[in-house]
């Protein structure tokens, strides 16, 4: 199904007239999750509204909305309720947790900002009316926009509360996802610990392992996994000067600015090298690292 999502959002944007799918609607039983019908989701959302507990949120997030790295049609209907809960919560930990978790959901939506309705709705049996799908999706996009508006507040809280670099990385991934920088969000989530990266040489197609240096600044590329083969014959990576790039010029520059704002020390140290160049340890050809991280 193709539809002009931009025009559809503009139609309802000024007053946010599209409403969330009522929790008592029979449509919830028709929406699909990882195990078929997800009719339990409205009840779980209601429980979270009353008390944001670990048990309920884990069941909702990882058993219904995001399972085995996939989202489902039920995810689109549920996310606006989570965005509303984040905006209304007085607990900064709850707000941050919802912000980061919803960022994972949005990062795994392949059609975001593409102008197409999500492919997950095509798996419905029976299919939902296109008008209903458009309304669910437009409400979802509005919620994504509203979550993105929380970024500055979440950044300030995470920095002030001295969250560790891994927690900050999930927040930065969410910020990138809400902006539509899906590739950046994907890299941050894939390499969430920042202790190892993988890239493929565009000349010889061999994989390389990129590790931060242990006792000195910088990063090194290896042709074999250093865990099993040691760190001989590594190629030092030449860093770039991405700090001089204006934030509006690229998703990467926006990430650099966001990492500065939230003070993610690890990422600030690594980004110049992840955006640098290196001679392939396998064939010797020079390559830029950042574009080769995208396919992984």
C-alpha atoms as a PDB file:
ATOM      1  CA  UNK A   1       0.000   0.000   0.000  1.00  0.00           C
ATOM      2  CA  UNK A   2       1.398   3.392  -0.985  1.00  0.00           C
ATOM      3  CA  UNK A   3       0.133   6.633   0.499  1.00  0.00           C
ATOM      4  CA  UNK A   4       1.388  10.188   0.831  1.00  0.00           C
ATOM      5  CA  UNK A   5       2.230   9.982   4.531  1.00  0.00           C
ATOM      6  CA  UNK A   6       3.659  13.517   4.565  1.00  0.00           C
ATOM      7  CA  UNK A   7       0.389  14.969   3.327  1.00  0.00           C
ATOM      8  CA  UNK A   8      -1.581  12.742   5.684  1.00  0.00           C
ATOM      9  CA  UNK A   9       0.435  13.891   8.696  1.00  0.00           C
ATOM     10  CA  UNK A  10       0.127  17.533   7.642  1.00  0.00           C
ATOM     11  CA  UNK A  11      -3.620  17.147   7.461  1.00  0.00           C
ATOM     12  CA  UNK A  12      -3.825  16.260  11.147  1.00  0.00           C
ATOM     13  CA  UNK A  13      -0.620  17.791  12.525  1.00  0.00           C
ATOM     14  CA  UNK A  14      -1.766  21.196  13.719  1.00  0.00           C
ATOM     15  CA  UNK A  15      -4.366  19.964  16.225  1.00  0.00           C
ATOM     16  CA  UNK A  16      -3.294  16.342  16.593  1.00  0.00           C
ATOM     17  CA  UNK A  17      -6.895  15.295  15.914  1.00  0.00           C
ATOM     18  CA  UNK A  18      -6.112  11.658  15.280  1.00  0.00           C
ATOM     19  CA  UNK A  19      -6.849   9.648  18.405  1.00  0.00           C
ATOM     20  CA  UNK A  20      -5.152   6.529  19.672  1.00  0.00           C
ATOM     21  CA  UNK A  21      -6.891   3.230  19.125  1.00  0.00           C
ATOM     22  CA  UNK A  22      -9.285   2.864  22.074  1.00  0.00           C
ATOM     23  CA  UNK A  23      -8.133   0.204  24.507  1.00  0.00           C
ATOM     24  CA  UNK A  24     -11.569  -1.401  24.328  1.00  0.00           C
ATOM     25  CA  UNK A  25     -11.581  -1.557  20.512  1.00  0.00           C
ATOM     26  CA  UNK A  26     -12.018  -5.022  18.943  1.00  0.00           C
ATOM     27  CA  UNK A  27      -9.286  -4.057  16.458  1.00  0.00           C
ATOM     28  CA  UNK A  28      -6.630  -5.017  19.023  1.00  0.00           C
ATOM     29  CA  UNK A  29      -7.619  -8.669  18.582  1.00  0.00           C
ATOM     30  CA  UNK A  30      -6.991  -8.386  14.846  1.00  0.00           C
ATOM     31  CA  UNK A  31      -3.542  -6.798  15.118  1.00  0.00           C
ATOM     32  CA  UNK A  32      -0.651  -9.219  14.927  1.00  0.00           C
ATOM     33  CA  UNK A  33       2.231  -9.829  17.295  1.00  0.00           C
ATOM     34  CA  UNK A  34       4.970 -12.465  17.373  1.00  0.00           C
ATOM     35  CA  UNK A  35       2.540 -15.193  18.426  1.00  0.00           C
ATOM     36  CA  UNK A  36      -0.479 -14.195  16.382  1.00  0.00           C
ATOM     37  CA  UNK A  37      -3.172 -12.136  18.092  1.00  0.00           C
ATOM     38  CA  UNK A  38      -1.999  -9.676  20.757  1.00  0.00           C
ATOM     39  CA  UNK A  39      -5.268  -9.092  22.537  1.00  0.00           C
ATOM     40  CA  UNK A  40      -3.377  -8.993  25.858  1.00  0.00           C
ATOM     41  CA  UNK A  41      -1.630  -5.722  24.895  1.00  0.00           C
ATOM     42  CA  UNK A  42      -4.420  -3.272  25.877  1.00  0.00           C
ATOM     43  CA  UNK A  43      -4.502  -4.773  29.379  1.00  0.00           C
ATOM     44  CA  UNK A  44      -0.731  -4.516  29.714  1.00  0.00           C
ATOM     45  CA  UNK A  45      -0.807  -0.897  28.576  1.00  0.00           C
ATOM     46  CA  UNK A  46      -3.475  -0.154  31.152  1.00  0.00           C
ATOM     47  CA  UNK A  47      -1.412  -1.801  33.877  1.00  0.00           C
ATOM     48  CA  UNK A  48       1.608   0.325  32.954  1.00  0.00           C
ATOM     49  CA  UNK A  49      -0.506   3.459  33.128  1.00  0.00           C
ATOM     50  CA  UNK A  50      -1.376   2.531  36.699  1.00  0.00           C
ATOM     51  CA  UNK A  51       2.054   1.256  37.780  1.00  0.00           C
ATOM     52  CA  UNK A  52       5.167   1.107  35.601  1.00  0.00           C
ATOM     53  CA  UNK A  53       6.557  -2.207  36.866  1.00  0.00           C
ATOM     54  CA  UNK A  54       9.481  -4.199  35.482  1.00  0.00           C
ATOM     55  CA  UNK A  55       7.459  -7.388  35.131  1.00  0.00           C
ATOM     56  CA  UNK A  56       4.676  -5.796  33.075  1.00  0.00           C
ATOM     57  CA  UNK A  57       6.913  -3.644  30.908  1.00  0.00           C
ATOM     58  CA  UNK A  58       9.207  -6.576  30.068  1.00  0.00           C
ATOM     59  CA  UNK A  59       6.274  -8.718  29.038  1.00  0.00           C
ATOM     60  CA  UNK A  60       4.813  -5.945  26.907  1.00  0.00           C
ATOM     61  CA  UNK A  61       8.071  -4.827  25.266  1.00  0.00           C
ATOM     62  CA  UNK A  62       9.879  -8.077  24.616  1.00  0.00           C
ATOM     63  CA  UNK A  63       7.032 -10.614  24.317  1.00  0.00           C
ATOM     64  CA  UNK A  64       4.515  -8.565  22.321  1.00  0.00           C
ATOM     65  CA  UNK A  65       5.950  -5.407  20.719  1.00  0.00           C
ATOM     66  CA  UNK A  66       9.524  -6.428  19.873  1.00  0.00           C
ATOM     67  CA  UNK A  67      10.448 -10.081  19.662  1.00  0.00           C
ATOM     68  CA  UNK A  68      13.485 -11.597  17.962  1.00  0.00           C
ATOM     69  CA  UNK A  69      14.506  -8.230  16.504  1.00  0.00           C
ATOM     70  CA  UNK A  70      11.142  -7.685  14.813  1.00  0.00           C
ATOM     71  CA  UNK A  71       8.226  -5.310  15.259  1.00  0.00           C
ATOM     72  CA  UNK A  72       4.624  -6.061  14.362  1.00  0.00           C
ATOM     73  CA  UNK A  73       1.387  -4.306  13.485  1.00  0.00           C
ATOM     74  CA  UNK A  74       0.508  -4.299  17.198  1.00  0.00           C
ATOM     75  CA  UNK A  75       3.633  -2.200  17.830  1.00  0.00           C
ATOM     76  CA  UNK A  76       2.267   0.716  15.828  1.00  0.00           C
ATOM     77  CA  UNK A  77      -0.961   0.843  17.802  1.00  0.00           C
ATOM     78  CA  UNK A  78       0.749   0.507  21.200  1.00  0.00           C
ATOM     79  CA  UNK A  79       3.608   2.999  20.832  1.00  0.00           C
ATOM     80  CA  UNK A  80       1.406   6.142  21.045  1.00  0.00           C
ATOM     81  CA  UNK A  81       0.252   5.020  24.503  1.00  0.00           C
ATOM     82  CA  UNK A  82       3.867   4.658  25.598  1.00  0.00           C
ATOM     83  CA  UNK A  83       4.723   8.087  24.199  1.00  0.00           C
ATOM     84  CA  UNK A  84       1.809   9.565  26.122  1.00  0.00           C
ATOM     85  CA  UNK A  85       2.967   7.832  29.303  1.00  0.00           C
ATOM     86  CA  UNK A  86       6.512   9.171  28.834  1.00  0.00           C
ATOM     87  CA  UNK A  87       5.287  12.734  28.325  1.00  0.00           C
ATOM     88  CA  UNK A  88       2.994  12.614  31.356  1.00  0.00           C
ATOM     89  CA  UNK A  89       5.279  10.790  33.801  1.00  0.00           C
ATOM     90  CA  UNK A  90       6.870  12.757  36.647  1.00  0.00           C
ATOM     91  CA  UNK A  91       9.484  10.017  37.117  1.00  0.00           C
ATOM     92  CA  UNK A  92      12.583  10.769  34.992  1.00  0.00           C
ATOM     93  CA  UNK A  93      13.646   7.109  35.102  1.00  0.00           C
ATOM     94  CA  UNK A  94      10.310   6.017  33.644  1.00  0.00           C
ATOM     95  CA  UNK A  95      10.483   8.732  31.018  1.00  0.00           C
ATOM     96  CA  UNK A  96      14.032   7.736  30.036  1.00  0.00           C
ATOM     97  CA  UNK A  97      13.222   4.020  29.966  1.00  0.00           C
ATOM     98  CA  UNK A  98      10.244   4.511  27.650  1.00  0.00           C
ATOM     99  CA  UNK A  99      12.219   6.928  25.468  1.00  0.00           C
ATOM    100  CA  UNK A 100      15.104   4.469  25.010  1.00  0.00           C
ATOM    101  CA  UNK A 101      12.879   1.412  24.536  1.00  0.00           C
ATOM    102  CA  UNK A 102      10.617   3.059  21.982  1.00  0.00           C
ATOM    103  CA  UNK A 103      13.783   4.150  20.190  1.00  0.00           C
ATOM    104  CA  UNK A 104      14.619   0.470  19.667  1.00  0.00           C
ATOM    105  CA  UNK A 105      11.152  -0.116  18.197  1.00  0.00           C
ATOM    106  CA  UNK A 106      11.418   2.850  15.828  1.00  0.00           C
ATOM    107  CA  UNK A 107      14.963   1.929  14.807  1.00  0.00           C
ATOM    108  CA  UNK A 108      13.652  -1.422  13.593  1.00  0.00           C
ATOM    109  CA  UNK A 109      10.895   0.077  11.453  1.00  0.00           C
ATOM    110  CA  UNK A 110      12.167  -0.156   7.893  1.00  0.00           C
ATOM    111  CA  UNK A 111       9.605   2.170   6.323  1.00  0.00           C
ATOM    112  CA  UNK A 112       9.838   5.137   8.691  1.00  0.00           C
ATOM    113  CA  UNK A 113       9.817   8.434   6.760  1.00  0.00           C
ATOM    114  CA  UNK A 114       9.637   6.492   3.476  1.00  0.00           C
ATOM    115  CA  UNK A 115       6.146   7.602   2.499  1.00  0.00           C
ATOM    116  CA  UNK A 116       4.885   4.004   2.547  1.00  0.00           C
ATOM    117  CA  UNK A 117       2.594   2.276   4.981  1.00  0.00           C
ATOM    118  CA  UNK A 118       4.421  -0.348   7.089  1.00  0.00           C
ATOM    119  CA  UNK A 119       4.768  -3.786   5.560  1.00  0.00           C
ATOM    120  CA  UNK A 120       3.785  -5.352   8.902  1.00  0.00           C
ATOM    121  CA  UNK A 121       0.134  -4.539   8.155  1.00  0.00           C
ATOM    122  CA  UNK A 122       0.292  -6.568   4.946  1.00  0.00           C
ATOM    123  CA  UNK A 123       0.612  -9.705   7.097  1.00  0.00           C
ATOM    124  CA  UNK A 124      -2.833  -9.196   8.607  1.00  0.00           C
ATOM    125  CA  UNK A 125      -5.370 -11.915   7.957  1.00  0.00           C
ATOM    126  CA  UNK A 126      -7.921 -10.606   7.317  1.00  0.00           C
ATOM    127  CA  UNK A 127      -6.430  -7.331   6.109  1.00  0.00           C
ATOM    128  CA  UNK A 128      -7.451  -4.169   7.919  1.00  0.00           C
ATOM    129  CA  UNK A 129      -9.157  -1.386   5.988  1.00  0.00           C
ATOM    130  CA  UNK A 130      -6.544   0.927   4.490  1.00  0.00           C
ATOM    131  CA  UNK A 131      -8.159   3.964   6.102  1.00  0.00           C
ATOM    132  CA  UNK A 132      -7.777   2.345   9.537  1.00  0.00           C
ATOM    133  CA  UNK A 133      -4.144   1.443   8.843  1.00  0.00           C
ATOM    134  CA  UNK A 134      -3.467   5.029   7.779  1.00  0.00           C
ATOM    135  CA  UNK A 135      -4.989   6.353  10.987  1.00  0.00           C
ATOM    136  CA  UNK A 136      -3.010   3.957  13.205  1.00  0.00           C
ATOM    137  CA  UNK A 137       0.201   4.789  11.357  1.00  0.00           C
ATOM    138  CA  UNK A 138      -0.311   8.546  11.356  1.00  0.00           C
ATOM    139  CA  UNK A 139      -0.997   8.479  15.092  1.00  0.00           C
ATOM    140  CA  UNK A 140       2.189   6.442  15.469  1.00  0.00           C
ATOM    141  CA  UNK A 141       4.226   8.988  13.476  1.00  0.00           C
ATOM    142  CA  UNK A 142       2.860  11.784  15.650  1.00  0.00           C
ATOM    143  CA  UNK A 143       3.962   9.832  18.729  1.00  0.00           C
ATOM    144  CA  UNK A 144       7.451   9.354  17.247  1.00  0.00           C
ATOM    145  CA  UNK A 145       7.681  13.101  16.704  1.00  0.00           C
ATOM    146  CA  UNK A 146       6.584  13.775  20.279  1.00  0.00           C
ATOM    147  CA  UNK A 147       9.133  11.322  21.661  1.00  0.00           C
ATOM    148  CA  UNK A 148      11.819  13.106  19.660  1.00  0.00           C
ATOM    149  CA  UNK A 149      10.849  16.340  21.387  1.00  0.00           C
ATOM    150  CA  UNK A 150      11.927  14.781  24.690  1.00  0.00           C
ATOM    151  CA  UNK A 151      15.549  14.359  23.549  1.00  0.00           C
ATOM    152  CA  UNK A 152      16.954  17.490  25.157  1.00  0.00           C
ATOM    153  CA  UNK A 153      15.250  16.724  28.472  1.00  0.00           C
ATOM    154  CA  UNK A 154      16.442  13.101  28.417  1.00  0.00           C
ATOM    155  CA  UNK A 155      19.995  14.175  27.536  1.00  0.00           C
ATOM    156  CA  UNK A 156      20.119  16.565  30.490  1.00  0.00           C
ATOM    157  CA  UNK A 157      18.809  13.961  32.901  1.00  0.00           C
ATOM    158  CA  UNK A 158      21.153  11.182  31.711  1.00  0.00           C
ATOM    159  CA  UNK A 159      24.185  13.458  31.936  1.00  0.00           C
ATOM    160  CA  UNK A 160      23.195  14.864  35.338  1.00  0.00           C
ATOM    161  CA  UNK A 161      22.364  11.422  36.736  1.00  0.00           C
ATOM    162  CA  UNK A 162      25.769  10.169  35.557  1.00  0.00           C
ATOM    163  CA  UNK A 163      24.387   7.312  33.487  1.00  0.00           C
ATOM    164  CA  UNK A 164      27.096   5.107  32.037  1.00  0.00           C
ATOM    165  CA  UNK A 165      28.203   5.278  28.424  1.00  0.00           C
ATOM    166  CA  UNK A 166      26.225   2.186  27.406  1.00  0.00           C
ATOM    167  CA  UNK A 167      22.967   3.651  28.720  1.00  0.00           C
ATOM    168  CA  UNK A 168      23.791   6.904  26.958  1.00  0.00           C
ATOM    169  CA  UNK A 169      24.406   4.975  23.735  1.00  0.00           C
ATOM    170  CA  UNK A 170      20.865   3.592  23.834  1.00  0.00           C
ATOM    171  CA  UNK A 171      19.572   7.128  24.351  1.00  0.00           C
ATOM    172  CA  UNK A 172      21.608   8.386  21.396  1.00  0.00           C
ATOM    173  CA  UNK A 173      20.263   5.506  19.293  1.00  0.00           C
ATOM    174  CA  UNK A 174      16.718   6.531  20.186  1.00  0.00           C
ATOM    175  CA  UNK A 175      17.434  10.161  19.319  1.00  0.00           C
ATOM    176  CA  UNK A 176      18.811   9.098  15.928  1.00  0.00           C
ATOM    177  CA  UNK A 177      15.815   6.845  15.277  1.00  0.00           C
ATOM    178  CA  UNK A 178      13.332   9.610  16.080  1.00  0.00           C
ATOM    179  CA  UNK A 179      15.162  11.916  13.643  1.00  0.00           C
ATOM    180  CA  UNK A 180      14.992   9.272  10.924  1.00  0.00           C
ATOM    181  CA  UNK A 181      18.714   8.446  11.027  1.00  0.00           C
ATOM    182  CA  UNK A 182      18.032   4.710  10.963  1.00  0.00           C
ATOM    183  CA  UNK A 183      21.542   3.632   9.958  1.00  0.00           C
ATOM    184  CA  UNK A 184      23.111   5.556  12.844  1.00  0.00           C
ATOM    185  CA  UNK A 185      20.600   4.102  15.291  1.00  0.00           C
ATOM    186  CA  UNK A 186      21.306   0.625  13.946  1.00  0.00           C
ATOM    187  CA  UNK A 187      25.055   0.964  14.439  1.00  0.00           C
ATOM    188  CA  UNK A 188      24.658   2.212  18.012  1.00  0.00           C
ATOM    189  CA  UNK A 189      22.325  -0.661  18.872  1.00  0.00           C
ATOM    190  CA  UNK A 190      24.364  -3.327  17.082  1.00  0.00           C
ATOM    191  CA  UNK A 191      27.568  -2.253  18.831  1.00  0.00           C
ATOM    192  CA  UNK A 192      25.933  -1.217  22.087  1.00  0.00           C
ATOM    193  CA  UNK A 193      28.979  -1.968  24.252  1.00  0.00           C
ATOM    194  CA  UNK A 194      31.474  -0.218  21.982  1.00  0.00           C
ATOM    195  CA  UNK A 195      34.141  -2.852  22.627  1.00  0.00           C
ATOM    196  CA  UNK A 196      34.314  -4.260  19.080  1.00  0.00           C
ATOM    197  CA  UNK A 197      33.062  -3.328  15.618  1.00  0.00           C
ATOM    198  CA  UNK A 198      32.937  -5.239  12.353  1.00  0.00           C
ATOM    199  CA  UNK A 199      33.258  -3.928   8.819  1.00  0.00           C
ATOM    200  CA  UNK A 200      33.715  -5.435   5.374  1.00  0.00           C
ATOM    201  CA  UNK A 201      36.316  -4.303   2.843  1.00  0.00           C
ATOM    202  CA  UNK A 202      34.571  -3.106  -0.371  1.00  0.00           C
ATOM    203  CA  UNK A 203      37.557  -4.279  -2.450  1.00  0.00           C
ATOM    204  CA  UNK A 204      38.148  -7.845  -1.248  1.00  0.00           C
ATOM    205  CA  UNK A 205      34.918  -8.324   0.771  1.00  0.00           C
ATOM    206  CA  UNK A 206      36.873  -9.705   3.698  1.00  0.00           C
ATOM    207  CA  UNK A 207      35.594  -8.946   7.178  1.00  0.00           C
ATOM    208  CA  UNK A 208      37.712  -6.970   9.597  1.00  0.00           C
ATOM    209  CA  UNK A 209      37.544  -6.616  13.361  1.00  0.00           C
ATOM    210  CA  UNK A 210      37.914  -3.120  14.767  1.00  0.00           C
ATOM    211  CA  UNK A 211      38.991  -2.812  18.391  1.00  0.00           C
ATOM    212  CA  UNK A 212      39.776   0.160  20.629  1.00  0.00           C
ATOM    213  CA  UNK A 213      43.417   0.157  21.715  1.00  0.00           C
ATOM    214  CA  UNK A 214      43.853  -0.994  25.302  1.00  0.00           C
ATOM    215  CA  UNK A 215      46.624   1.218  26.586  1.00  0.00           C
ATOM    216  CA  UNK A 216      46.607   4.142  24.191  1.00  0.00           C
ATOM    217  CA  UNK A 217      44.133   6.287  22.269  1.00  0.00           C
ATOM    218  CA  UNK A 218      42.966   5.034  18.896  1.00  0.00           C
ATOM    219  CA  UNK A 219      41.539   1.945  17.224  1.00  0.00           C
ATOM    220  CA  UNK A 220      43.039  -0.881  15.181  1.00  0.00           C
ATOM    221  CA  UNK A 221      41.640  -3.124  12.436  1.00  0.00           C
ATOM    222  CA  UNK A 222      42.466  -6.853  12.363  1.00  0.00           C
ATOM    223  CA  UNK A 223      41.828  -9.426   9.660  1.00  0.00           C
ATOM    224  CA  UNK A 224      41.166 -12.156  12.254  1.00  0.00           C
ATOM    225  CA  UNK A 225      39.199 -12.026  15.465  1.00  0.00           C
ATOM    226  CA  UNK A 226      41.707 -10.978  18.158  1.00  0.00           C
ATOM    227  CA  UNK A 227      39.822 -13.065  20.725  1.00  0.00           C
ATOM    228  CA  UNK A 228      41.087 -16.229  19.034  1.00  0.00           C
ATOM    229  CA  UNK A 229      44.108 -15.077  17.040  1.00  0.00           C
ATOM    230  CA  UNK A 230      45.822 -12.377  19.072  1.00  0.00           C
ATOM    231  CA  UNK A 231      46.540  -8.834  17.985  1.00  0.00           C
ATOM    232  CA  UNK A 232      49.377  -9.327  15.540  1.00  0.00           C
ATOM    233  CA  UNK A 233      49.350  -7.668  12.116  1.00  0.00           C
ATOM    234  CA  UNK A 234      46.756  -5.052  12.970  1.00  0.00           C
ATOM    235  CA  UNK A 235      46.357  -1.868  10.909  1.00  0.00           C
ATOM    236  CA  UNK A 236      46.154   1.437  12.790  1.00  0.00           C
ATOM    237  CA  UNK A 237      43.147   3.556  11.858  1.00  0.00           C
ATOM    238  CA  UNK A 238      43.704   7.174  10.847  1.00  0.00           C
ATOM    239  CA  UNK A 239      41.033   9.342  12.504  1.00  0.00           C
ATOM    240  CA  UNK A 240      38.962  11.995  10.767  1.00  0.00           C
ATOM    241  CA  UNK A 241      38.163  15.475  12.052  1.00  0.00           C
ATOM    242  CA  UNK A 242      34.389  15.118  12.280  1.00  0.00           C
ATOM    243  CA  UNK A 243      34.230  17.715  15.038  1.00  0.00           C
ATOM    244  CA  UNK A 244      34.604  20.394  12.381  1.00  0.00           C
ATOM    245  CA  UNK A 245      31.528  19.222  10.426  1.00  0.00           C
ATOM    246  CA  UNK A 246      28.379  21.280  10.912  1.00  0.00           C
ATOM    247  CA  UNK A 247      25.559  19.342  12.639  1.00  0.00           C
ATOM    248  CA  UNK A 248      23.081  19.939   9.841  1.00  0.00           C
ATOM    249  CA  UNK A 249      25.380  18.452   7.211  1.00  0.00           C
ATOM    250  CA  UNK A 250      24.901  14.766   7.953  1.00  0.00           C
ATOM    251  CA  UNK A 251      23.437  12.198  10.362  1.00  0.00           C
ATOM    252  CA  UNK A 252      26.984  11.502  11.526  1.00  0.00           C
ATOM    253  CA  UNK A 253      27.577  15.144  12.436  1.00  0.00           C
ATOM    254  CA  UNK A 254      24.266  15.230  14.298  1.00  0.00           C
ATOM    255  CA  UNK A 255      25.406  12.187  16.262  1.00  0.00           C
ATOM    256  CA  UNK A 256      28.687  13.924  17.079  1.00  0.00           C
ATOM    257  CA  UNK A 257      26.810  16.932  18.438  1.00  0.00           C
ATOM    258  CA  UNK A 258      24.398  14.735  20.435  1.00  0.00           C
ATOM    259  CA  UNK A 259      27.305  12.740  21.925  1.00  0.00           C
ATOM    260  CA  UNK A 260      28.850  16.033  23.058  1.00  0.00           C
ATOM    261  CA  UNK A 261      25.577  17.172  24.602  1.00  0.00           C
ATOM    262  CA  UNK A 262      25.048  13.972  26.598  1.00  0.00           C
ATOM    263  CA  UNK A 263      28.810  13.633  27.292  1.00  0.00           C
ATOM    264  CA  UNK A 264      29.241  10.078  26.056  1.00  0.00           C
ATOM    265  CA  UNK A 265      32.991   9.849  26.592  1.00  0.00           C
ATOM    266  CA  UNK A 266      33.494   6.463  24.942  1.00  0.00           C
ATOM    267  CA  UNK A 267      31.671   7.422  21.757  1.00  0.00           C
ATOM    268  CA  UNK A 268      33.404  10.787  21.518  1.00  0.00           C
ATOM    269  CA  UNK A 269      36.757   8.996  21.664  1.00  0.00           C
ATOM    270  CA  UNK A 270      35.758   6.389  19.081  1.00  0.00           C
ATOM    271  CA  UNK A 271      33.804   8.378  16.488  1.00  0.00           C
ATOM    272  CA  UNK A 272      36.823  10.055  14.826  1.00  0.00           C
ATOM    273  CA  UNK A 273      38.281   6.567  14.244  1.00  0.00           C
ATOM    274  CA  UNK A 274      34.999   4.968  13.169  1.00  0.00           C
ATOM    275  CA  UNK A 275      34.795   7.771  10.612  1.00  0.00           C
ATOM    276  CA  UNK A 276      38.448   7.478   9.682  1.00  0.00           C
ATOM    277  CA  UNK A 277      40.234   5.364   7.110  1.00  0.00           C
ATOM    278  CA  UNK A 278      42.467   2.307   7.204  1.00  0.00           C
ATOM    279  CA  UNK A 279      44.350  -0.008   4.892  1.00  0.00           C
ATOM    280  CA  UNK A 280      42.463  -3.306   4.745  1.00  0.00           C
ATOM    281  CA  UNK A 281      44.401  -5.888   6.803  1.00  0.00           C
ATOM    282  CA  UNK A 282      43.602  -8.508   4.151  1.00  0.00           C
ATOM    283  CA  UNK A 283      44.270  -6.788   0.801  1.00  0.00           C
ATOM    284  CA  UNK A 284      45.938  -3.488   1.698  1.00  0.00           C
ATOM    285  CA  UNK A 285      43.409  -1.249  -0.088  1.00  0.00           C
ATOM    286  CA  UNK A 286      42.452   1.918   1.750  1.00  0.00           C
ATOM    287  CA  UNK A 287      38.837   2.284   2.796  1.00  0.00           C
ATOM    288  CA  UNK A 288      36.598   4.566   4.807  1.00  0.00           C
ATOM    289  CA  UNK A 289      35.244   2.676   7.784  1.00  0.00           C
ATOM    290  CA  UNK A 290      31.909   4.354   8.538  1.00  0.00           C
ATOM    291  CA  UNK A 291      30.061   3.412   5.307  1.00  0.00           C
ATOM    292  CA  UNK A 292      31.161  -0.201   5.687  1.00  0.00           C
ATOM    293  CA  UNK A 293      29.566  -0.469   9.139  1.00  0.00           C
ATOM    294  CA  UNK A 294      26.103   0.136   7.690  1.00  0.00           C
ATOM    295  CA  UNK A 295      25.393  -3.285   6.123  1.00  0.00           C
ATOM    296  CA  UNK A 296      26.132  -5.193   9.328  1.00  0.00           C
END
